[in-house]
PDB file of N, CA and C in Angstrom:
ATOM      1  N   MET A   1      81.261 107.830  73.484  1.00  0.00           N
ATOM      2  CA  MET A   1      81.175 106.620  74.278  1.00  0.00           C
ATOM      3  C   MET A   1      81.895 105.484  73.557  1.00  0.00           C
ATOM      4  N   GLU A   2      82.586 104.657  74.316  1.00  0.00           N
ATOM      5  CA  GLU A   2      83.306 103.532  73.729  1.00  0.00           C
ATOM      6  C   GLU A   2      82.332 102.477  73.233  1.00  0.00           C
ATOM      7  N   PRO A   3      82.725 101.737  72.176  1.00  0.00           N
ATOM      8  CA  PRO A   3      81.864 100.656  71.686  1.00  0.00           C
ATOM      9  C   PRO A   3      81.674  99.581  72.756  1.00  0.00           C
ATOM     10  N   LYS A   4      80.545  98.884  72.675  1.00  0.00           N
ATOM     11  CA  LYS A   4      80.231  97.831  73.646  1.00  0.00           C
ATOM     12  C   LYS A   4      81.317  96.760  73.672  1.00  0.00           C
ATOM     13  N   SER A   5      81.929  96.464  72.514  1.00  0.00           N
ATOM     14  CA  SER A   5      82.969  95.424  72.495  1.00  0.00           C
ATOM     15  C   SER A   5      84.179  95.842  73.322  1.00  0.00           C
ATOM     16  N   THR A   6      84.525  97.123  73.292  1.00  0.00           N
ATOM     17  CA  THR A   6      85.641  97.627  74.101  1.00  0.00           C
ATOM     18  C   THR A   6      85.285  97.558  75.581  1.00  0.00           C
ATOM     19  N   GLN A   7      84.042  97.908  75.905  1.00  0.00           N
ATOM     20  CA  GLN A   7      83.592  97.825  77.291  1.00  0.00           C
ATOM     21  C   GLN A   7      83.605  96.379  77.770  1.00  0.00           C
ATOM     22  N   SER A   8      83.199  95.466  76.906  1.00  0.00           N
ATOM     23  CA  SER A   8      83.216  94.041  77.256  1.00  0.00           C
ATOM     24  C   SER A   8      84.634  93.563  77.518  1.00  0.00           C
ATOM     25  N   GLN A   9      85.578  93.993  76.695  1.00  0.00           N
ATOM     26  CA  GLN A   9      86.971  93.590  76.878  1.00  0.00           C
ATOM     27  C   GLN A   9      87.529  94.130  78.191  1.00  0.00           C
ATOM     28  N   GLU A  10      87.194  95.368  78.513  1.00  0.00           N
ATOM     29  CA  GLU A  10      87.641  95.952  79.783  1.00  0.00           C
ATOM     30  C   GLU A  10      87.022  95.197  80.957  1.00  0.00           C
ATOM     31  N   MET A  11      85.754  94.835  80.820  1.00  0.00           N
ATOM     32  CA  MET A  11      85.085  94.089  81.878  1.00  0.00           C
ATOM     33  C   MET A  11      85.723  92.707  82.035  1.00  0.00           C
ATOM     34  N   ILE A  12      86.032  92.049  80.927  1.00  0.00           N
ATOM     35  CA  ILE A  12      86.700  90.741  80.978  1.00  0.00           C
ATOM     36  C   ILE A  12      88.023  90.868  81.726  1.00  0.00           C
ATOM     37  N   HIS A  13      88.783  91.901  81.412  1.00  0.00           N
ATOM     38  CA  HIS A  13      90.073  92.120  82.077  1.00  0.00           C
ATOM     39  C   HIS A  13      89.883  92.301  83.589  1.00  0.00           C
ATOM     40  N   LEU A  14      88.960  93.168  83.981  1.00  0.00           N
ATOM     41  CA  LEU A  14      88.750  93.436  85.408  1.00  0.00           C
ATOM     42  C   LEU A  14      88.219  92.211  86.143  1.00  0.00           C
ATOM     43  N   VAL A  15      87.272  91.507  85.546  1.00  0.00           N
ATOM     44  CA  VAL A  15      86.714  90.309  86.186  1.00  0.00           C
ATOM     45  C   VAL A  15      87.796  89.247  86.349  1.00  0.00           C
ATOM     46  N   THR A  16      88.648  89.084  85.346  1.00  0.00           N
ATOM     47  CA  THR A  16      89.753  88.125  85.437  1.00  0.00           C
ATOM     48  C   THR A  16      90.700  88.505  86.567  1.00  0.00           C
ATOM     49  N   GLU A  17      91.011  89.789  86.690  1.00  0.00           N
ATOM     50  CA  GLU A  17      91.884  90.259  87.768  1.00  0.00           C
ATOM     51  C   GLU A  17      91.240  90.045  89.138  1.00  0.00           C
ATOM     52  N   VAL A  18      89.940  90.295  89.234  1.00  0.00           N
ATOM     53  CA  VAL A  18      89.224  90.047  90.490  1.00  0.00           C
ATOM     54  C   VAL A  18      89.345  88.575  90.856  1.00  0.00           C
ATOM     55  N   MET A  19      89.109  87.701  89.893  1.00  0.00           N
ATOM     56  CA  MET A  19      89.183  86.257  90.157  1.00  0.00           C
ATOM     57  C   MET A  19      90.588  85.843  90.583  1.00  0.00           C
ATOM     58  N   ASN A  20      91.601  86.362  89.904  1.00  0.00           N
ATOM     59  CA  ASN A  20      92.984  86.031  90.262  1.00  0.00           C
ATOM     60  C   ASN A  20      93.311  86.497  91.680  1.00  0.00           C
ATOM     61  N   THR A  21      92.796  87.645  92.069  1.00  0.00           N
ATOM     62  CA  THR A  21      93.045  88.174  93.408  1.00  0.00           C
ATOM     63  C   THR A  21      92.305  87.359  94.460  1.00  0.00           C
ATOM     64  N   ILE A  22      91.053  87.034  94.199  1.00  0.00           N
ATOM     65  CA  ILE A  22      90.267  86.227  95.141  1.00  0.00           C
ATOM     66  C   ILE A  22      90.899  84.855  95.332  1.00  0.00           C
ATOM     67  N   GLU A  23      91.466  84.317  94.281  1.00  0.00           N
ATOM     68  CA  GLU A  23      92.077  82.984  94.336  1.00  0.00           C
ATOM     69  C   GLU A  23      93.203  82.920  95.363  1.00  0.00           C
ATOM     70  N   CYS A  24      93.821  84.061  95.675  1.00  0.00           N
ATOM     71  CA  CYS A  24      94.918  84.103  96.651  1.00  0.00           C
ATOM     72  C   CYS A  24      94.430  83.885  98.077  1.00  0.00           C
ATOM     73  N   GLY A  25      93.172  84.184  98.336  1.00  0.00           N
ATOM     74  CA  GLY A  25      92.650  84.146  99.697  1.00  0.00           C
ATOM     75  C   GLY A  25      92.187  82.771 100.130  1.00  0.00           C
ATOM     76  N   TYR A  26      91.734  82.712 101.360  1.00  0.00           N
ATOM     77  CA  TYR A  26      91.218  81.485 101.946  1.00  0.00           C
ATOM     78  C   TYR A  26      90.082  80.945 101.092  1.00  0.00           C
ATOM     79  N   ARG A  27      90.091  79.674 100.846  1.00  0.00           N
ATOM     80  CA  ARG A  27      89.120  78.941 100.038  1.00  0.00           C
ATOM     81  C   ARG A  27      89.306  79.167  98.547  1.00  0.00           C
ATOM     82  N   GLY A  28      90.065  80.159  98.132  1.00  0.00           N
ATOM     83  CA  GLY A  28      90.404  80.360  96.732  1.00  0.00           C
ATOM     84  C   GLY A  28      89.250  80.152  95.769  1.00  0.00           C
ATOM     85  N   LYS A  29      89.390  79.129  94.923  1.00  0.00           N
ATOM     86  CA  LYS A  29      88.393  78.871  93.890  1.00  0.00           C
ATOM     87  C   LYS A  29      87.068  78.383  94.462  1.00  0.00           C
ATOM     88  N   GLU A  30      87.047  78.000  95.724  1.00  0.00           N
ATOM     89  CA  GLU A  30      85.798  77.565  96.354  1.00  0.00           C
ATOM     90  C   GLU A  30      85.005  78.746  96.911  1.00  0.00           C
ATOM     91  N   ASN A  31      85.594  79.912  96.913  1.00  0.00           N
ATOM     92  CA  ASN A  31      84.922  81.110  97.398  1.00  0.00           C
ATOM     93  C   ASN A  31      83.718  81.407  96.508  1.00  0.00           C
ATOM     94  N   SER A  32      82.593  81.740  97.107  1.00  0.00           N
ATOM     95  CA  SER A  32      81.372  81.992  96.326  1.00  0.00           C
ATOM     96  C   SER A  32      81.526  83.180  95.379  1.00  0.00           C
ATOM     97  N   TRP A  33      82.344  84.164  95.763  1.00  0.00           N
ATOM     98  CA  TRP A  33      82.557  85.296  94.862  1.00  0.00           C
ATOM     99  C   TRP A  33      83.409  84.886  93.677  1.00  0.00           C
ATOM    100  N   TYR A  34      84.354  84.002  93.865  1.00  0.00           N
ATOM    101  CA  TYR A  34      85.144  83.476  92.746  1.00  0.00           C
ATOM    102  C   TYR A  34      84.204  82.788  91.759  1.00  0.00           C
ATOM    103  N   LYS A  35      83.288  81.999  92.277  1.00  0.00           N
ATOM    104  CA  LYS A  35      82.328  81.286  91.423  1.00  0.00           C
ATOM    105  C   LYS A  35      81.397  82.266  90.705  1.00  0.00           C
ATOM    106  N   PHE A  36      80.932  83.284  91.416  1.00  0.00           N
ATOM    107  CA  PHE A  36      80.058  84.289  90.799  1.00  0.00           C
ATOM    108  C   PHE A  36      80.761  84.938  89.612  1.00  0.00           C
ATOM    109  N   PHE A  37      81.997  85.389  89.821  1.00  0.00           N
ATOM    110  CA  PHE A  37      82.708  86.066  88.742  1.00  0.00           C
ATOM    111  C   PHE A  37      83.122  85.100  87.637  1.00  0.00           C
ATOM    112  N   GLY A  38      83.291  83.833  87.965  1.00  0.00           N
ATOM    113  CA  GLY A  38      83.521  82.826  86.930  1.00  0.00           C
ATOM    114  C   GLY A  38      82.330  82.719  86.000  1.00  0.00           C
ATOM    115  N   THR A  39      81.139  82.763  86.569  1.00  0.00           N
ATOM    116  CA  THR A  39      79.912  82.740  85.766  1.00  0.00           C
ATOM    117  C   THR A  39      79.806  83.999  84.909  1.00  0.00           C
ATOM    118  N   ILE A  40      80.146  85.142  85.483  1.00  0.00           N
ATOM    119  CA  ILE A  40      80.141  86.404  84.726  1.00  0.00           C
ATOM    120  C   ILE A  40      81.115  86.304  83.557  1.00  0.00           C
ATOM    121  N   LEU A  41      82.299  85.769  83.804  1.00  0.00           N
ATOM    122  CA  LEU A  41      83.303  85.633  82.752  1.00  0.00           C
ATOM    123  C   LEU A  41      82.809  84.717  81.638  1.00  0.00           C
ATOM    124  N   GLU A  42      82.169  83.620  81.996  1.00  0.00           N
ATOM    125  CA  GLU A  42      81.590  82.725  80.987  1.00  0.00           C
ATOM    126  C   GLU A  42      80.578  83.477  80.128  1.00  0.00           C
ATOM    127  N   ARG A  43      79.743  84.275  80.757  1.00  0.00           N
ATOM    128  CA  ARG A  43      78.741  85.045  80.014  1.00  0.00           C
ATOM    129  C   ARG A  43      79.398  86.069  79.095  1.00  0.00           C
ATOM    130  N   LEU A  44      80.476  86.690  79.558  1.00  0.00           N
ATOM    131  CA  LEU A  44      81.170  87.686  78.744  1.00  0.00           C
ATOM    132  C   LEU A  44      81.842  87.066  77.523  1.00  0.00           C
ATOM    133  N   ASN A  45      82.179  85.796  77.605  1.00  0.00           N
ATOM    134  CA  ASN A  45      82.854  85.120  76.499  1.00  0.00           C
ATOM    135  C   ASN A  45      81.887  84.475  75.515  1.00  0.00           C
ATOM    136  N   LYS A  46      80.592  84.724  75.702  1.00  0.00           N
ATOM    137  CA  LYS A  46      79.549  84.279  74.774  1.00  0.00           C
ATOM    138  C   LYS A  46      78.827  85.531  74.284  1.00  0.00           C
ATOM    139  N   PRO A  47      78.012  85.400  73.240  1.00  0.00           N
ATOM    140  CA  PRO A  47      77.204  86.573  72.861  1.00  0.00           C
ATOM    141  C   PRO A  47      76.401  87.038  74.080  1.00  0.00           C
ATOM    142  N   HIS A  48      76.427  88.325  74.347  1.00  0.00           N
ATOM    143  CA  HIS A  48      75.837  88.822  75.586  1.00  0.00           C
ATOM    144  C   HIS A  48      75.394  90.276  75.476  1.00  0.00           C
ATOM    145  N   SER A  49      74.635  90.684  76.467  1.00  0.00           N
ATOM    146  CA  SER A  49      74.267  92.085  76.651  1.00  0.00           C
ATOM    147  C   SER A  49      75.142  92.625  77.771  1.00  0.00           C
ATOM    148  N   VAL A  50      76.076  93.487  77.429  1.00  0.00           N
ATOM    149  CA  VAL A  50      76.984  94.030  78.443  1.00  0.00           C
ATOM    150  C   VAL A  50      76.198  94.841  79.477  1.00  0.00           C
ATOM    151  N   ASP A  51      75.092  95.439  79.069  1.00  0.00           N
ATOM    152  CA  ASP A  51      74.261  96.193  80.014  1.00  0.00           C
ATOM    153  C   ASP A  51      73.678  95.266  81.081  1.00  0.00           C
ATOM    154  N   LYS A  52      73.179  94.114  80.674  1.00  0.00           N
ATOM    155  CA  LYS A  52      72.593  93.148  81.613  1.00  0.00           C
ATOM    156  C   LYS A  52      73.665  92.648  82.582  1.00  0.00           C
ATOM    157  N   ILE A  53      74.837  92.340  82.063  1.00  0.00           N
ATOM    158  CA  ILE A  53      75.922  91.863  82.920  1.00  0.00           C
ATOM    159  C   ILE A  53      76.354  92.965  83.888  1.00  0.00           C
ATOM    160  N   ALA A  54      76.433  94.195  83.408  1.00  0.00           N
ATOM    161  CA  ALA A  54      76.788  95.321  84.284  1.00  0.00           C
ATOM    162  C   ALA A  54      75.769  95.456  85.415  1.00  0.00           C
ATOM    163  N   ARG A  55      74.479  95.312  85.103  1.00  0.00           N
ATOM    164  CA  ARG A  55      73.439  95.374  86.147  1.00  0.00           C
ATOM    165  C   ARG A  55      73.619  94.248  87.161  1.00  0.00           C
ATOM    166  N   ASP A  56      73.940  93.052  86.662  1.00  0.00           N
ATOM    167  CA  ASP A  56      74.136  91.914  87.562  1.00  0.00           C
ATOM    168  C   ASP A  56      75.332  92.133  88.487  1.00  0.00           C
ATOM    169  N   ILE A  57      76.389  92.732  87.960  1.00  0.00           N
ATOM    170  CA  ILE A  57      77.571  93.009  88.785  1.00  0.00           C
ATOM    171  C   ILE A  57      77.246  94.086  89.823  1.00  0.00           C
ATOM    172  N   ILE A  58      76.626  95.174  89.398  1.00  0.00           N
ATOM    173  CA  ILE A  58      76.278  96.261  90.328  1.00  0.00           C
ATOM    174  C   ILE A  58      75.404  95.740  91.465  1.00  0.00           C
ATOM    175  N   SER A  59      74.578  94.753  91.176  1.00  0.00           N
ATOM    176  CA  SER A  59      73.644  94.252  92.193  1.00  0.00           C
ATOM    177  C   SER A  59      74.346  93.565  93.367  1.00  0.00           C
ATOM    178  N   VAL A  60      75.617  93.194  93.215  1.00  0.00           N
ATOM    179  CA  VAL A  60      76.322  92.505  94.306  1.00  0.00           C
ATOM    180  C   VAL A  60      77.108  93.474  95.198  1.00  0.00           C
ATOM    181  N   TYR A  61      76.970  94.768  94.942  1.00  0.00           N
ATOM    182  CA  TYR A  61      77.601  95.794  95.771  1.00  0.00           C
ATOM    183  C   TYR A  61      76.582  96.315  96.774  1.00  0.00           C
ATOM    184  N   GLY A  62      77.022  96.617  97.980  1.00  0.00           N
ATOM    185  CA  GLY A  62      76.163  97.244  98.976  1.00  0.00           C
ATOM    186  C   GLY A  62      75.366  96.256  99.799  1.00  0.00           C
ATOM    187  N   GLY A  63      75.122  96.627 101.045  1.00  0.00           N
ATOM    188  CA  GLY A  63      74.377  95.759 101.947  1.00  0.00           C
ATOM    189  C   GLY A  63      75.299  94.789 102.664  1.00  0.00           C
ATOM    190  N   MET A  64      74.720  94.038 103.581  1.00  0.00           N
ATOM    191  CA  MET A  64      75.513  93.082 104.364  1.00  0.00           C
ATOM    192  C   MET A  64      75.748  91.804 103.572  1.00  0.00           C
ATOM    193  N   GLY A  65      76.947  91.266 103.688  1.00  0.00           N
ATOM    194  CA  GLY A  65      77.283  90.003 103.042  1.00  0.00           C
ATOM    195  C   GLY A  65      77.474  90.100 101.547  1.00  0.00           C
ATOM    196  N   THR A  66      77.714  91.305 101.053  1.00  0.00           N
ATOM    197  CA  THR A  66      77.877  91.490  99.622  1.00  0.00           C
ATOM    198  C   THR A  66      79.359  91.543  99.253  1.00  0.00           C
ATOM    199  N   PHE A  67      79.615  91.753  97.979  1.00  0.00           N
ATOM    200  CA  PHE A  67      80.978  91.762  97.460  1.00  0.00           C
ATOM    201  C   PHE A  67      81.854  92.781  98.185  1.00  0.00           C
ATOM    202  N   ASN A  68      81.280  93.893  98.609  1.00  0.00           N
ATOM    203  CA  ASN A  68      82.059  94.900  99.345  1.00  0.00           C
ATOM    204  C   ASN A  68      82.580  94.381 100.674  1.00  0.00           C
ATOM    205  N   ASP A  69      81.960  93.357 101.225  1.00  0.00           N
ATOM    206  CA  ASP A  69      82.353  92.818 102.530  1.00  0.00           C
ATOM    207  C   ASP A  69      83.458  91.766 102.452  1.00  0.00           C
ATOM    208  N   LEU A  70      83.809  91.353 101.250  1.00  0.00           N
ATOM    209  CA  LEU A  70      84.822  90.304 101.101  1.00  0.00           C
ATOM    210  C   LEU A  70      86.179  90.795 101.590  1.00  0.00           C
ATOM    211  N   VAL A  71      86.766  90.046 102.518  1.00  0.00           N
ATOM    212  CA  VAL A  71      88.117  90.307 103.016  1.00  0.00           C
ATOM    213  C   VAL A  71      88.917  89.029 102.813  1.00  0.00           C
ATOM    214  N   LEU A  72      90.026  89.155 102.111  1.00  0.00           N
ATOM    215  CA  LEU A  72      90.872  87.992 101.841  1.00  0.00           C
ATOM    216  C   LEU A  72      91.787  87.728 103.023  1.00  0.00           C
ATOM    217  N   HIS A  73      91.925  86.475 103.376  1.00  0.00           N
ATOM    218  CA  HIS A  73      92.793  86.090 104.484  1.00  0.00           C
ATOM    219  C   HIS A  73      93.346  84.692 104.229  1.00  0.00           C
ATOM    220  N   LYS A  74      94.371  84.371 104.983  1.00  0.00           N
ATOM    221  CA  LYS A  74      95.041  83.079 104.863  1.00  0.00           C
ATOM    222  C   LYS A  74      94.704  82.264 106.101  1.00  0.00           C
ATOM    223  N   ASN A  75      94.290  81.043 105.908  1.00  0.00           N
ATOM    224  CA  ASN A  75      93.977  80.133 107.018  1.00  0.00           C
ATOM    225  C   ASN A  75      92.943  80.697 107.984  1.00  0.00           C
ATOM    226  N   GLN A  76      92.063  81.523 107.499  1.00  0.00           N
ATOM    227  CA  GLN A  76      91.016  82.176 108.292  1.00  0.00           C
ATOM    228  C   GLN A  76      91.558  83.041 109.424  1.00  0.00           C
ATOM    229  N   ILE A  77      92.833  83.376 109.381  1.00  0.00           N
ATOM    230  CA  ILE A  77      93.433  84.140 110.474  1.00  0.00           C
ATOM    231  C   ILE A  77      94.137  85.395 109.959  1.00  0.00           C
ATOM    232  N   THR A  78      95.113  85.223 109.096  1.00  0.00           N
ATOM    233  CA  THR A  78      95.973  86.314 108.663  1.00  0.00           C
ATOM    234  C   THR A  78      95.361  87.059 107.482  1.00  0.00           C
ATOM    235  N   MET A  79      95.065  88.351 107.682  1.00  0.00           N
ATOM    236  CA  MET A  79      94.527  89.156 106.594  1.00  0.00           C
ATOM    237  C   MET A  79      95.633  89.423 105.577  1.00  0.00           C
ATOM    238  N   LEU A  80      95.310  89.311 104.314  1.00  0.00           N
ATOM    239  CA  LEU A  80      96.263  89.549 103.232  1.00  0.00           C
ATOM    240  C   LEU A  80      96.137  91.007 102.792  1.00  0.00           C
ATOM    241  N   GLN A  81      96.937  91.887 103.401  1.00  0.00           N
ATOM    242  CA  GLN A  81      96.792  93.329 103.197  1.00  0.00           C
ATOM    243  C   GLN A  81      96.983  93.739 101.740  1.00  0.00           C
ATOM    244  N   GLU A  82      98.058  93.307 101.117  1.00  0.00           N
ATOM    245  CA  GLU A  82      98.342  93.705  99.737  1.00  0.00           C
ATOM    246  C   GLU A  82      97.233  93.240  98.790  1.00  0.00           C
ATOM    247  N   GLU A  83      96.803  91.998  98.964  1.00  0.00           N
ATOM    248  CA  GLU A  83      95.747  91.448  98.117  1.00  0.00           C
ATOM    249  C   GLU A  83      94.423  92.177  98.346  1.00  0.00           C
ATOM    250  N   ASN A  84      94.132  92.523  99.604  1.00  0.00           N
ATOM    251  CA  ASN A  84      92.901  93.258  99.895  1.00  0.00           C
ATOM    252  C   ASN A  84      92.937  94.673  99.322  1.00  0.00           C
ATOM    253  N   ASP A  85      94.103  95.302  99.353  1.00  0.00           N
ATOM    254  CA  ASP A  85      94.240  96.625  98.738  1.00  0.00           C
ATOM    255  C   ASP A  85      93.986  96.538  97.236  1.00  0.00           C
ATOM    256  N   LYS A  86      94.557  95.518  96.610  1.00  0.00           N
ATOM    257  CA  LYS A  86      94.351  95.321  95.169  1.00  0.00           C
ATOM    258  C   LYS A  86      92.880  95.039  94.878  1.00  0.00           C
ATOM    259  N   LEU A  87      92.266  94.187  95.685  1.00  0.00           N
ATOM    260  CA  LEU A  87      90.856  93.859  95.493  1.00  0.00           C
ATOM    261  C   LEU A  87      89.986  95.106  95.635  1.00  0.00           C
ATOM    262  N   GLU A  88      90.297  95.952  96.585  1.00  0.00           N
ATOM    263  CA  GLU A  88      89.520  97.181  96.776  1.00  0.00           C
ATOM    264  C   GLU A  88      89.589  98.060  95.530  1.00  0.00           C
ATOM    265  N   GLN A  89      90.770  98.193  94.948  1.00  0.00           N
ATOM    266  CA  GLN A  89      90.912  99.000  93.730  1.00  0.00           C
ATOM    267  C   GLN A  89      90.146  98.365  92.571  1.00  0.00           C
ATOM    268  N   LEU A  90      90.243  97.047  92.441  1.00  0.00           N
ATOM    269  CA  LEU A  90      89.515  96.348  91.377  1.00  0.00           C
ATOM    270  C   LEU A  90      88.004  96.489  91.555  1.00  0.00           C
ATOM    271  N   ARG A  91      87.536  96.366  92.796  1.00  0.00           N
ATOM    272  CA  ARG A  91      86.100  96.552  93.069  1.00  0.00           C
ATOM    273  C   ARG A  91      85.649  97.925  92.598  1.00  0.00           C
ATOM    274  N   HIS A  92      86.438  98.925  92.947  1.00  0.00           N
ATOM    275  CA  HIS A  92      86.121 100.301  92.558  1.00  0.00           C
ATOM    276  C   HIS A  92      86.094 100.443  91.035  1.00  0.00           C
ATOM    277  N   ASP A  93      87.144  99.967  90.378  1.00  0.00           N
ATOM    278  CA  ASP A  93      87.247 100.098  88.920  1.00  0.00           C
ATOM    279  C   ASP A  93      86.104  99.378  88.208  1.00  0.00           C
ATOM    280  N   LEU A  94      85.759  98.191  88.683  1.00  0.00           N
ATOM    281  CA  LEU A  94      84.680  97.419  88.067  1.00  0.00           C
ATOM    282  C   LEU A  94      83.337  98.125  88.265  1.00  0.00           C
ATOM    283  N   TYR A  95      83.111  98.653  89.442  1.00  0.00           N
ATOM    284  CA  TYR A  95      81.858  99.373  89.707  1.00  0.00           C
ATOM    285  C   TYR A  95      81.734 100.591  88.797  1.00  0.00           C
ATOM    286  N   ILE A  96      82.806 101.360  88.700  1.00  0.00           N
ATOM    287  CA  ILE A  96      82.796 102.563  87.853  1.00  0.00           C
ATOM    288  C   ILE A  96      82.532 102.181  86.403  1.00  0.00           C
ATOM    289  N   LEU A  97      83.176 101.132  85.911  1.00  0.00           N
ATOM    290  CA  LEU A  97      82.944 100.682  84.537  1.00  0.00           C
ATOM    291  C   LEU A  97      81.478 100.311  84.338  1.00  0.00           C
ATOM    292  N   CYS A  98      80.925  99.536  85.242  1.00  0.00           N
ATOM    293  CA  CYS A  98      79.520  99.121  85.126  1.00  0.00           C
ATOM    294  C   CYS A  98      78.584 100.322  85.176  1.00  0.00           C
ATOM    295  N   GLU A  99      78.877 101.240  86.058  1.00  0.00           N
ATOM    296  CA  GLU A  99      78.060 102.450  86.172  1.00  0.00           C
ATOM    297  C   GLU A  99      78.099 103.247  84.873  1.00  0.00           C
ATOM    298  N   LYS A 100      79.259 103.359  84.280  1.00  0.00           N
ATOM    299  CA  LYS A 100      79.393 104.101  83.024  1.00  0.00           C
ATOM    300  C   LYS A 100      78.687 103.388  81.876  1.00  0.00           C
ATOM    301  N   ILE A 101      78.745 102.077  81.861  1.00  0.00           N
ATOM    302  CA  ILE A 101      78.026 101.314  80.837  1.00  0.00           C
ATOM    303  C   ILE A 101      76.527 101.584  80.967  1.00  0.00           C
ATOM    304  N   LEU A 102      76.036 101.551  82.180  1.00  0.00           N
ATOM    305  CA  LEU A 102      74.595 101.706  82.405  1.00  0.00           C
ATOM    306  C   LEU A 102      74.100 103.133  82.201  1.00  0.00           C
ATOM    307  N   THR A 103      74.978 104.100  82.362  1.00  0.00           N
ATOM    308  CA  THR A 103      74.570 105.493  82.155  1.00  0.00           C
ATOM    309  C   THR A 103      75.028 106.017  80.803  1.00  0.00           C
ATOM    310  N   ASN A 104      75.674 105.151  80.013  1.00  0.00           N
ATOM    311  CA  ASN A 104      76.141 105.513  78.667  1.00  0.00           C
ATOM    312  C   ASN A 104      77.044 106.739  78.668  1.00  0.00           C
ATOM    313  N   THR A 105      77.979 106.784  79.619  1.00  0.00           N
ATOM    314  CA  THR A 105      78.907 107.906  79.680  1.00  0.00           C
ATOM    315  C   THR A 105      80.289 107.464  79.239  1.00  0.00           C
ATOM    316  N   GLU A 106      81.129 108.444  78.976  1.00  0.00           N
ATOM    317  CA  GLU A 106      82.499 108.175  78.546  1.00  0.00           C
ATOM    318  C   GLU A 106      83.289 107.507  79.653  1.00  0.00           C
ATOM    319  N   LEU A 107      84.200 106.607  79.258  1.00  0.00           N
ATOM    320  CA  LEU A 107      85.080 105.942  80.225  1.00  0.00           C
ATOM    321  C   LEU A 107      86.291 106.770  80.513  1.00  0.00           C
TER     322      LEU A 107
END
């Protein structure tokens, strides 16, 4: 299993990419998911429990109105296909990382 510091660095990278992708969509930095991941990033850049942060991230997946439902669009009309495809891959990668952290399995 990778050291927690390596897992934290990977999580920082993925969360930063998620934020950069969300910023492209309608409302950008005002989007509640952008703010949520900004808080996660702040926590990752301080002494932290990567397990606790992974649990907090996993908790926003699934159900109605959750992170899985986020669709990026421009001017509330035009869906941003490329950005949404990228966001979908990032969502998947972040979930898998968090799941592996919580189950203590190899990345």
